[in-house]
Amino acid sequence: MNTLPKSITPELKSFCQSISPDRPVYVRSKRSSDAQASACFDNVARKISRAGGSIAYGWAIWHIPGLYFEAEHHGVWRNRRGDLLDVSPQLGDVSEILFLPDSTAVYNPSQFRSNVITPANDTPVAIEFVAMAKARNAILDRYRTDEYIAVTLSAADQAALDAIKLRLSDLWKSAGK
């Protein structure tokens, strides 16, 4: 499923401004051959060691109209000319991402930054969807070491996560997605 925002709407701008004063930009996405999923900061570090440049810290911005806006802590490669490129694999092999630069969102492996997620509107479905997504993230975040989930979930947390996933699926269907 492609959750790349199609355009930068006033609502999307407002969401982004709640996170960083910088403007979101579309960035070309071309996975490096050695890139690993869910390891953007390591992927960019390897790209820098091969080709120079630097890292741009910020947030990948995702959106499902009628349901939610989401910001995921992310890093992209900045080449020597200052151009940005997303070198990490993305779901659906998208050709670009929406990136919100944020110089204060420096990566620290000992401080995981959870996704920022808000409802796209005031409908009960959007509000409950975001509440369920936040509950899912809260469970998973307790198990993170650096940027990876490091251990097997407890039986109670796995059961809670399964129930949340089922409810998210039901809400997704009721929203016509």
N, C-alpha and C. Protein backbone atom coordinates (compact mmCIF):
# COMPACT_ATOMS: atom_id res chain seq x y z
N MET A 1 0.83 -1.18 0.00
CA MET A 1 0.00 0.00 0.00
C MET A 1 0.88 1.25 0.00
N ASN A 2 0.58 2.16 -0.88
CA ASN A 2 1.34 3.39 -1.00
C ASN A 2 0.71 4.45 -0.10
N THR A 3 1.46 4.91 0.87
CA THR A 3 0.96 5.96 1.77
C THR A 3 1.69 7.28 1.55
N LEU A 4 2.34 7.41 0.38
CA LEU A 4 3.01 8.66 0.02
C LEU A 4 1.95 9.73 -0.23
N PRO A 5 2.03 10.86 0.48
CA PRO A 5 1.07 11.94 0.21
C PRO A 5 1.16 12.39 -1.25
N LYS A 6 0.01 12.52 -1.90
CA LYS A 6 -0.03 12.91 -3.31
C LYS A 6 0.33 14.38 -3.50
N SER A 7 0.01 15.20 -2.51
CA SER A 7 0.32 16.62 -2.59
C SER A 7 0.49 17.17 -1.17
N ILE A 8 1.06 18.34 -1.10
CA ILE A 8 1.28 18.99 0.20
C ILE A 8 0.10 19.94 0.44
N THR A 9 -0.89 19.43 1.12
CA THR A 9 -2.12 20.17 1.41
C THR A 9 -1.92 21.05 2.66
N PRO A 10 -2.83 21.98 2.89
CA PRO A 10 -2.74 22.77 4.12
C PRO A 10 -2.76 21.89 5.39
N GLU A 11 -3.55 20.82 5.38
CA GLU A 11 -3.61 19.92 6.53
C GLU A 11 -2.26 19.22 6.74
N LEU A 12 -1.65 18.81 5.64
CA LEU A 12 -0.35 18.16 5.72
C LEU A 12 0.71 19.14 6.21
N LYS A 13 0.67 20.38 5.70
CA LYS A 13 1.61 21.41 6.16
C LYS A 13 1.47 21.63 7.67
N SER A 14 0.24 21.69 8.14
CA SER A 14 -0.01 21.89 9.57
C SER A 14 0.57 20.74 10.39
N PHE A 15 0.35 19.51 9.93
CA PHE A 15 0.91 18.35 10.62
C PHE A 15 2.43 18.46 10.68
N CYS A 16 3.05 18.77 9.55
CA CYS A 16 4.51 18.87 9.48
C CYS A 16 5.03 19.99 10.39
N GLN A 17 4.33 21.13 10.42
CA GLN A 17 4.77 22.26 11.25
C GLN A 17 4.69 21.93 12.74
N SER A 18 3.84 20.96 13.10
CA SER A 18 3.77 20.54 14.50
C SER A 18 5.01 19.75 14.92
N ILE A 19 5.81 19.34 13.92
CA ILE A 19 7.01 18.54 14.18
C ILE A 19 8.29 19.34 13.95
N SER A 20 8.34 20.09 12.86
CA SER A 20 9.55 20.83 12.48
C SER A 20 9.15 22.08 11.70
N PRO A 21 9.89 23.19 11.87
CA PRO A 21 9.58 24.39 11.10
C PRO A 21 10.00 24.30 9.63
N ASP A 22 10.79 23.28 9.29
CA ASP A 22 11.24 23.13 7.90
C ASP A 22 10.09 22.69 7.00
N ARG A 23 10.27 22.89 5.70
CA ARG A 23 9.24 22.52 4.73
C ARG A 23 9.48 21.10 4.22
N PRO A 24 8.41 20.31 4.09
CA PRO A 24 8.57 18.97 3.54
C PRO A 24 8.93 19.04 2.05
N VAL A 25 9.74 18.09 1.61
CA VAL A 25 10.16 18.03 0.21
C VAL A 25 10.07 16.59 -0.28
N TYR A 26 9.72 16.45 -1.55
CA TYR A 26 9.74 15.12 -2.15
C TYR A 26 11.19 14.79 -2.49
N VAL A 27 11.61 13.60 -2.11
CA VAL A 27 12.98 13.14 -2.30
C VAL A 27 12.94 11.84 -3.10
N ARG A 28 13.76 11.79 -4.14
CA ARG A 28 13.85 10.56 -4.94
C ARG A 28 14.33 9.42 -4.06
N SER A 29 13.75 8.24 -4.26
CA SER A 29 14.12 7.05 -3.50
C SER A 29 14.76 6.03 -4.44
N LYS A 30 16.02 5.74 -4.18
CA LYS A 30 16.75 4.72 -4.96
C LYS A 30 17.59 3.92 -3.98
N ARG A 31 17.11 2.76 -3.68
CA ARG A 31 17.72 1.88 -2.69
C ARG A 31 19.16 1.55 -3.06
N SER A 32 20.08 1.68 -2.10
CA SER A 32 21.45 1.22 -2.30
C SER A 32 21.46 -0.30 -2.31
N SER A 33 22.40 -0.88 -3.03
CA SER A 33 22.43 -2.34 -3.19
C SER A 33 22.62 -3.06 -1.85
N ASP A 34 23.27 -2.44 -0.89
CA ASP A 34 23.51 -3.08 0.40
C ASP A 34 22.56 -2.59 1.49
N ALA A 35 21.54 -1.84 1.12
CA ALA A 35 20.63 -1.26 2.11
C ALA A 35 19.73 -2.33 2.71
N GLN A 36 19.43 -2.15 3.99
CA GLN A 36 18.56 -3.06 4.72
C GLN A 36 17.30 -2.32 5.16
N ALA A 37 16.20 -3.04 5.20
CA ALA A 37 14.94 -2.45 5.65
C ALA A 37 15.06 -2.03 7.11
N SER A 38 14.41 -0.95 7.47
CA SER A 38 14.35 -0.42 8.84
C SER A 38 15.72 -0.08 9.41
N ALA A 39 16.65 0.31 8.55
CA ALA A 39 18.00 0.66 9.00
C ALA A 39 18.52 1.88 8.24
N CYS A 40 17.69 2.90 8.11
CA CYS A 40 18.05 4.05 7.28
C CYS A 40 19.34 4.72 7.72
N PHE A 41 19.56 4.85 9.01
CA PHE A 41 20.75 5.56 9.48
C PHE A 41 22.03 4.78 9.14
N ASP A 42 21.97 3.47 9.29
CA ASP A 42 23.11 2.62 8.89
C ASP A 42 23.29 2.65 7.37
N ASN A 43 22.19 2.62 6.63
CA ASN A 43 22.26 2.66 5.17
C ASN A 43 22.94 3.94 4.69
N VAL A 44 22.55 5.07 5.28
CA VAL A 44 23.14 6.35 4.89
C VAL A 44 24.62 6.39 5.28
N ALA A 45 24.96 5.85 6.45
CA ALA A 45 26.37 5.84 6.88
C ALA A 45 27.23 5.06 5.88
N ARG A 46 26.73 3.92 5.40
CA ARG A 46 27.48 3.13 4.40
C ARG A 46 27.62 3.92 3.10
N LYS A 47 26.56 4.61 2.69
CA LYS A 47 26.61 5.41 1.46
C LYS A 47 27.64 6.54 1.60
N ILE A 48 27.68 7.18 2.74
CA ILE A 48 28.65 8.25 2.99
C ILE A 48 30.08 7.69 2.92
N SER A 49 30.29 6.50 3.49
CA SER A 49 31.65 5.94 3.47
C SER A 49 32.10 5.60 2.05
N ARG A 50 31.16 5.29 1.16
CA ARG A 50 31.50 4.97 -0.24
C ARG A 50 31.59 6.20 -1.13
N ALA A 51 30.69 7.17 -0.90
CA ALA A 51 30.54 8.25 -1.88
C ALA A 51 30.69 9.66 -1.28
N GLY A 52 30.97 9.75 0.00
CA GLY A 52 31.05 11.07 0.62
C GLY A 52 29.66 11.61 0.90
N GLY A 53 29.58 12.89 1.09
CA GLY A 53 28.30 13.52 1.40
C GLY A 53 28.03 13.51 2.89
N SER A 54 26.77 13.64 3.26
CA SER A 54 26.40 13.71 4.67
C SER A 54 24.98 13.17 4.83
N ILE A 55 24.54 13.15 6.06
CA ILE A 55 23.18 12.69 6.35
C ILE A 55 22.29 13.90 6.62
N ALA A 56 21.06 13.81 6.16
CA ALA A 56 20.03 14.79 6.51
C ALA A 56 19.04 14.07 7.42
N TYR A 57 18.88 14.58 8.63
CA TYR A 57 17.95 13.99 9.59
C TYR A 57 16.58 14.60 9.40
N GLY A 58 15.58 13.82 9.74
CA GLY A 58 14.22 14.32 9.66
C GLY A 58 13.20 13.21 9.79
N TRP A 59 12.14 13.32 8.99
CA TRP A 59 10.99 12.44 9.12
C TRP A 59 10.46 12.08 7.73
N ALA A 60 10.19 10.80 7.52
CA ALA A 60 9.44 10.38 6.33
C ALA A 60 7.97 10.59 6.68
N ILE A 61 7.25 11.21 5.78
CA ILE A 61 5.85 11.57 6.04
C ILE A 61 4.94 10.66 5.22
N TRP A 62 3.97 10.06 5.90
CA TRP A 62 3.01 9.15 5.27
C TRP A 62 1.60 9.66 5.56
N HIS A 63 0.66 9.29 4.69
CA HIS A 63 -0.71 9.79 4.85
C HIS A 63 -1.68 8.86 4.16
N ILE A 64 -2.75 8.56 4.86
CA ILE A 64 -3.90 7.88 4.25
C ILE A 64 -5.07 8.85 4.38
N PRO A 65 -5.55 9.39 3.24
CA PRO A 65 -6.66 10.34 3.30
C PRO A 65 -7.84 9.77 4.10
N GLY A 66 -8.37 10.59 4.97
CA GLY A 66 -9.51 10.19 5.79
C GLY A 66 -9.14 9.41 7.03
N LEU A 67 -7.87 8.99 7.17
CA LEU A 67 -7.48 8.22 8.36
C LEU A 67 -6.40 8.90 9.19
N TYR A 68 -5.20 9.06 8.63
CA TYR A 68 -4.13 9.56 9.47
C TYR A 68 -2.99 10.22 8.70
N PHE A 69 -2.19 10.98 9.45
CA PHE A 69 -0.89 11.48 9.04
C PHE A 69 0.13 10.81 9.96
N GLU A 70 1.29 10.46 9.40
CA GLU A 70 2.31 9.81 10.21
C GLU A 70 3.69 10.31 9.82
N ALA A 71 4.53 10.52 10.82
CA ALA A 71 5.93 10.92 10.60
C ALA A 71 6.81 9.84 11.22
N GLU A 72 7.73 9.32 10.43
CA GLU A 72 8.64 8.27 10.87
C GLU A 72 10.07 8.83 10.87
N HIS A 73 10.75 8.75 12.01
CA HIS A 73 12.12 9.25 12.10
C HIS A 73 12.95 8.61 10.99
N HIS A 74 13.65 9.45 10.23
CA HIS A 74 14.30 8.95 9.01
C HIS A 74 15.53 9.77 8.70
N GLY A 75 16.43 9.17 7.97
CA GLY A 75 17.61 9.86 7.47
C GLY A 75 17.77 9.58 6.00
N VAL A 76 18.18 10.60 5.26
CA VAL A 76 18.46 10.45 3.82
C VAL A 76 19.87 10.96 3.55
N TRP A 77 20.41 10.55 2.42
CA TRP A 77 21.77 10.93 2.03
C TRP A 77 21.75 12.27 1.31
N ARG A 78 22.70 13.15 1.66
CA ARG A 78 22.88 14.43 0.99
C ARG A 78 24.21 14.35 0.25
N ASN A 79 24.17 14.44 -1.09
CA ASN A 79 25.42 14.35 -1.84
C ASN A 79 26.21 15.65 -1.71
N ARG A 80 27.36 15.71 -2.32
CA ARG A 80 28.25 16.87 -2.18
C ARG A 80 27.65 18.14 -2.76
N ARG A 81 26.70 18.00 -3.69
CA ARG A 81 26.02 19.18 -4.27
C ARG A 81 24.84 19.63 -3.42
N GLY A 82 24.50 18.84 -2.41
CA GLY A 82 23.39 19.19 -1.53
C GLY A 82 22.07 18.53 -1.90
N ASP A 83 22.08 17.70 -2.96
CA ASP A 83 20.85 17.00 -3.36
C ASP A 83 20.57 15.86 -2.39
N LEU A 84 19.30 15.62 -2.11
CA LEU A 84 18.90 14.55 -1.20
C LEU A 84 18.48 13.31 -1.97
N LEU A 85 18.79 12.14 -1.41
CA LEU A 85 18.39 10.86 -2.00
C LEU A 85 18.09 9.89 -0.86
N ASP A 86 16.95 9.24 -0.95
CA ASP A 86 16.59 8.20 0.03
C ASP A 86 17.23 6.90 -0.45
N VAL A 87 18.21 6.37 0.28
CA VAL A 87 18.94 5.17 -0.14
C VAL A 87 18.41 3.91 0.54
N SER A 88 17.34 4.03 1.33
CA SER A 88 16.79 2.90 2.08
C SER A 88 15.58 2.32 1.37
N PRO A 89 15.39 0.99 1.50
CA PRO A 89 14.21 0.39 0.87
C PRO A 89 12.92 0.85 1.56
N GLN A 90 11.90 1.07 0.75
CA GLN A 90 10.59 1.48 1.26
C GLN A 90 9.55 0.45 0.82
N LEU A 91 8.50 0.31 1.60
CA LEU A 91 7.42 -0.60 1.22
C LEU A 91 6.86 -0.20 -0.14
N GLY A 92 6.67 -1.17 -0.98
CA GLY A 92 6.10 -0.90 -2.29
C GLY A 92 7.10 -0.35 -3.29
N ASP A 93 8.37 -0.30 -2.93
CA ASP A 93 9.40 0.21 -3.83
C ASP A 93 8.99 1.53 -4.48
N VAL A 94 8.58 2.50 -3.68
CA VAL A 94 8.18 3.80 -4.19
C VAL A 94 9.37 4.52 -4.81
N SER A 95 9.11 5.39 -5.77
CA SER A 95 10.19 6.11 -6.45
C SER A 95 10.57 7.40 -5.73
N GLU A 96 9.75 7.82 -4.76
CA GLU A 96 10.07 9.00 -3.97
C GLU A 96 9.36 8.91 -2.63
N ILE A 97 9.85 9.70 -1.69
CA ILE A 97 9.19 9.83 -0.39
C ILE A 97 9.00 11.31 -0.11
N LEU A 98 8.13 11.61 0.83
CA LEU A 98 8.01 12.98 1.31
C LEU A 98 8.85 13.04 2.59
N PHE A 99 9.84 13.93 2.59
CA PHE A 99 10.79 14.03 3.69
C PHE A 99 10.67 15.39 4.34
N LEU A 100 10.57 15.38 5.66
CA LEU A 100 10.51 16.62 6.44
C LEU A 100 11.86 16.78 7.14
N PRO A 101 12.72 17.67 6.64
CA PRO A 101 14.01 17.89 7.31
C PRO A 101 13.79 18.40 8.74
N ASP A 102 14.66 17.95 9.64
CA ASP A 102 14.57 18.37 11.03
C ASP A 102 15.96 18.21 11.64
N SER A 103 16.71 19.28 11.69
CA SER A 103 18.09 19.20 12.20
C SER A 103 18.15 18.82 13.68
N THR A 104 17.04 18.93 14.39
CA THR A 104 17.02 18.53 15.80
C THR A 104 16.75 17.04 15.99
N ALA A 105 16.41 16.34 14.91
CA ALA A 105 16.07 14.92 15.00
C ALA A 105 17.28 14.04 14.73
N VAL A 106 18.40 14.39 15.35
CA VAL A 106 19.64 13.64 15.18
C VAL A 106 19.44 12.22 15.72
N TYR A 107 19.97 11.26 14.99
CA TYR A 107 19.85 9.87 15.40
C TYR A 107 20.75 9.55 16.58
N ASN A 108 20.17 8.95 17.59
CA ASN A 108 20.89 8.46 18.75
C ASN A 108 20.41 7.04 18.99
N PRO A 109 21.28 6.03 18.78
CA PRO A 109 20.83 4.64 18.89
C PRO A 109 20.24 4.27 20.25
N SER A 110 20.58 5.01 21.29
CA SER A 110 20.04 4.67 22.61
C SER A 110 18.73 5.39 22.91
N GLN A 111 18.25 6.22 21.96
CA GLN A 111 16.98 6.93 22.16
C GLN A 111 16.11 6.77 20.93
N PHE A 112 15.32 5.72 20.90
CA PHE A 112 14.42 5.50 19.78
C PHE A 112 13.35 6.58 19.76
N ARG A 113 13.08 7.12 18.57
CA ARG A 113 12.02 8.11 18.42
C ARG A 113 10.81 7.41 17.80
N SER A 114 9.75 7.36 18.53
CA SER A 114 8.53 6.72 18.05
C SER A 114 7.90 7.56 16.94
N ASN A 115 7.13 6.91 16.08
CA ASN A 115 6.42 7.62 15.02
C ASN A 115 5.42 8.60 15.64
N VAL A 116 5.24 9.72 14.95
CA VAL A 116 4.24 10.71 15.33
C VAL A 116 3.05 10.44 14.43
N ILE A 117 1.89 10.21 15.02
CA ILE A 117 0.70 9.88 14.22
C ILE A 117 -0.50 10.65 14.75
N THR A 118 -1.26 11.24 13.83
CA THR A 118 -2.45 11.99 14.22
C THR A 118 -3.59 11.67 13.25
N PRO A 119 -4.83 11.77 13.72
CA PRO A 119 -5.95 11.52 12.82
C PRO A 119 -6.04 12.58 11.73
N ALA A 120 -6.49 12.18 10.57
CA ALA A 120 -6.64 13.11 9.45
C ALA A 120 -7.89 13.98 9.59
N ASN A 121 -8.82 13.54 10.45
CA ASN A 121 -10.06 14.31 10.66
C ASN A 121 -10.66 13.89 12.00
N ASP A 122 -11.86 14.38 12.29
CA ASP A 122 -12.50 14.12 13.58
C ASP A 122 -13.49 12.97 13.55
N THR A 123 -13.46 12.14 12.52
CA THR A 123 -14.41 11.03 12.46
C THR A 123 -14.05 9.97 13.50
N PRO A 124 -15.04 9.25 14.01
CA PRO A 124 -14.75 8.20 14.98
C PRO A 124 -13.78 7.14 14.44
N VAL A 125 -13.89 6.82 13.15
CA VAL A 125 -13.00 5.81 12.56
C VAL A 125 -11.55 6.30 12.58
N ALA A 126 -11.31 7.53 12.16
CA ALA A 126 -9.94 8.07 12.14
C ALA A 126 -9.38 8.16 13.56
N ILE A 127 -10.18 8.61 14.50
CA ILE A 127 -9.72 8.76 15.89
C ILE A 127 -9.38 7.39 16.48
N GLU A 128 -10.25 6.41 16.27
CA GLU A 128 -9.98 5.08 16.82
C GLU A 128 -8.80 4.43 16.10
N PHE A 129 -8.68 4.63 14.78
CA PHE A 129 -7.57 4.05 14.03
C PHE A 129 -6.24 4.55 14.61
N VAL A 130 -6.14 5.84 14.85
CA VAL A 130 -4.91 6.41 15.40
C VAL A 130 -4.67 5.90 16.82
N ALA A 131 -5.72 5.80 17.62
CA ALA A 131 -5.56 5.27 18.98
C ALA A 131 -5.02 3.84 18.94
N MET A 132 -5.54 3.02 18.04
CA MET A 132 -5.07 1.64 17.90
C MET A 132 -3.62 1.60 17.39
N ALA A 133 -3.30 2.46 16.43
CA ALA A 133 -1.93 2.50 15.89
C ALA A 133 -0.95 2.93 16.98
N LYS A 134 -1.34 3.89 17.80
CA LYS A 134 -0.48 4.33 18.90
C LYS A 134 -0.31 3.22 19.94
N ALA A 135 -1.37 2.48 20.21
CA ALA A 135 -1.29 1.36 21.15
C ALA A 135 -0.35 0.28 20.60
N ARG A 136 -0.45 0.00 19.31
CA ARG A 136 0.46 -0.96 18.66
C ARG A 136 1.90 -0.49 18.80
N ASN A 137 2.15 0.78 18.47
CA ASN A 137 3.51 1.32 18.56
C ASN A 137 4.04 1.29 19.99
N ALA A 138 3.19 1.56 20.97
CA ALA A 138 3.62 1.55 22.37
C ALA A 138 4.11 0.16 22.77
N ILE A 139 3.39 -0.86 22.33
CA ILE A 139 3.83 -2.23 22.64
C ILE A 139 5.17 -2.51 21.97
N LEU A 140 5.26 -2.26 20.68
CA LEU A 140 6.50 -2.55 19.95
C LEU A 140 7.68 -1.72 20.45
N ASP A 141 7.42 -0.47 20.81
CA ASP A 141 8.50 0.41 21.27
C ASP A 141 9.15 -0.11 22.55
N ARG A 142 8.40 -0.81 23.39
CA ARG A 142 8.98 -1.35 24.63
C ARG A 142 10.04 -2.41 24.34
N TYR A 143 10.02 -2.98 23.16
CA TYR A 143 10.94 -4.07 22.81
C TYR A 143 12.09 -3.61 21.94
N ARG A 144 12.18 -2.35 21.67
CA ARG A 144 13.23 -1.86 20.75
C ARG A 144 14.56 -1.70 21.45
N THR A 145 15.59 -2.10 20.73
CA THR A 145 16.97 -1.82 21.09
C THR A 145 17.56 -1.17 19.86
N ASP A 146 18.11 0.00 20.00
CA ASP A 146 18.51 0.79 18.86
C ASP A 146 17.27 0.98 18.00
N GLU A 147 17.33 0.69 16.70
CA GLU A 147 16.14 0.88 15.86
C GLU A 147 15.49 -0.43 15.46
N TYR A 148 15.85 -1.52 16.13
CA TYR A 148 15.33 -2.83 15.78
C TYR A 148 14.54 -3.42 16.93
N ILE A 149 13.55 -4.25 16.61
CA ILE A 149 12.87 -5.01 17.66
C ILE A 149 13.78 -6.18 17.97
N ALA A 150 14.20 -6.28 19.23
CA ALA A 150 15.32 -7.15 19.58
C ALA A 150 14.92 -8.49 20.20
N VAL A 151 13.74 -8.62 20.75
CA VAL A 151 13.39 -9.84 21.46
C VAL A 151 11.99 -10.28 21.06
N THR A 152 11.65 -11.47 21.44
CA THR A 152 10.30 -11.99 21.22
C THR A 152 9.36 -11.34 22.22
N LEU A 153 8.18 -10.98 21.76
CA LEU A 153 7.20 -10.35 22.62
C LEU A 153 6.68 -11.36 23.65
N SER A 154 6.27 -10.85 24.81
CA SER A 154 5.64 -11.71 25.80
C SER A 154 4.32 -12.21 25.23
N ALA A 155 3.81 -13.29 25.80
CA ALA A 155 2.54 -13.84 25.33
C ALA A 155 1.41 -12.82 25.46
N ALA A 156 1.40 -12.08 26.57
CA ALA A 156 0.35 -11.08 26.79
C ALA A 156 0.45 -9.96 25.76
N ASP A 157 1.67 -9.48 25.52
CA ASP A 157 1.84 -8.41 24.54
C ASP A 157 1.54 -8.90 23.13
N GLN A 158 1.90 -10.14 22.82
CA GLN A 158 1.59 -10.67 21.49
C GLN A 158 0.08 -10.78 21.30
N ALA A 159 -0.64 -11.22 22.34
CA ALA A 159 -2.09 -11.32 22.26
C ALA A 159 -2.71 -9.93 22.08
N ALA A 160 -2.21 -8.95 22.82
CA ALA A 160 -2.71 -7.58 22.69
C ALA A 160 -2.43 -7.04 21.29
N LEU A 161 -1.23 -7.31 20.78
CA LEU A 161 -0.86 -6.86 19.44
C LEU A 161 -1.74 -7.51 18.38
N ASP A 162 -2.02 -8.79 18.53
CA ASP A 162 -2.90 -9.48 17.57
C ASP A 162 -4.30 -8.87 17.57
N ALA A 163 -4.82 -8.54 18.75
CA ALA A 163 -6.15 -7.93 18.84
C ALA A 163 -6.15 -6.53 18.20
N ILE A 164 -5.09 -5.78 18.42
CA ILE A 164 -4.97 -4.45 17.83
C ILE A 164 -4.91 -4.55 16.31
N LYS A 165 -4.11 -5.47 15.80
CA LYS A 165 -4.00 -5.64 14.34
C LYS A 165 -5.35 -6.00 13.73
N LEU A 166 -6.12 -6.85 14.41
CA LEU A 166 -7.45 -7.23 13.93
C LEU A 166 -8.37 -6.01 13.90
N ARG A 167 -8.34 -5.21 14.95
CA ARG A 167 -9.19 -4.01 15.00
C ARG A 167 -8.76 -3.00 13.94
N LEU A 168 -7.45 -2.82 13.74
CA LEU A 168 -6.97 -1.92 12.69
C LEU A 168 -7.47 -2.37 11.33
N SER A 169 -7.44 -3.66 11.09
CA SER A 169 -7.93 -4.21 9.83
C SER A 169 -9.41 -3.92 9.65
N ASP A 170 -10.20 -4.11 10.70
CA ASP A 170 -11.63 -3.82 10.66
C ASP A 170 -11.89 -2.33 10.38
N LEU A 171 -11.13 -1.46 11.06
CA LEU A 171 -11.30 -0.03 10.84
C LEU A 171 -10.91 0.36 9.42
N TRP A 172 -9.86 -0.26 8.92
CA TRP A 172 -9.38 -0.02 7.56
C TRP A 172 -10.50 -0.33 6.57
N LYS A 173 -11.12 -1.48 6.76
CA LYS A 173 -12.21 -1.90 5.86
C LYS A 173 -13.42 -0.98 5.99
N SER A 174 -13.73 -0.56 7.21
CA SER A 174 -14.90 0.31 7.40
C SER A 174 -14.66 1.69 6.80
N ALA A 175 -13.39 2.08 6.66
CA ALA A 175 -13.06 3.37 6.04
C ALA A 175 -13.01 3.25 4.53
N GLY A 176 -13.23 2.05 4.01
CA GLY A 176 -13.23 1.85 2.56
C GLY A 176 -11.84 1.83 1.94
N LYS A 177 -10.85 1.46 2.69
CA LYS A 177 -9.47 1.45 2.19
C LYS A 177 -9.09 0.08 1.67
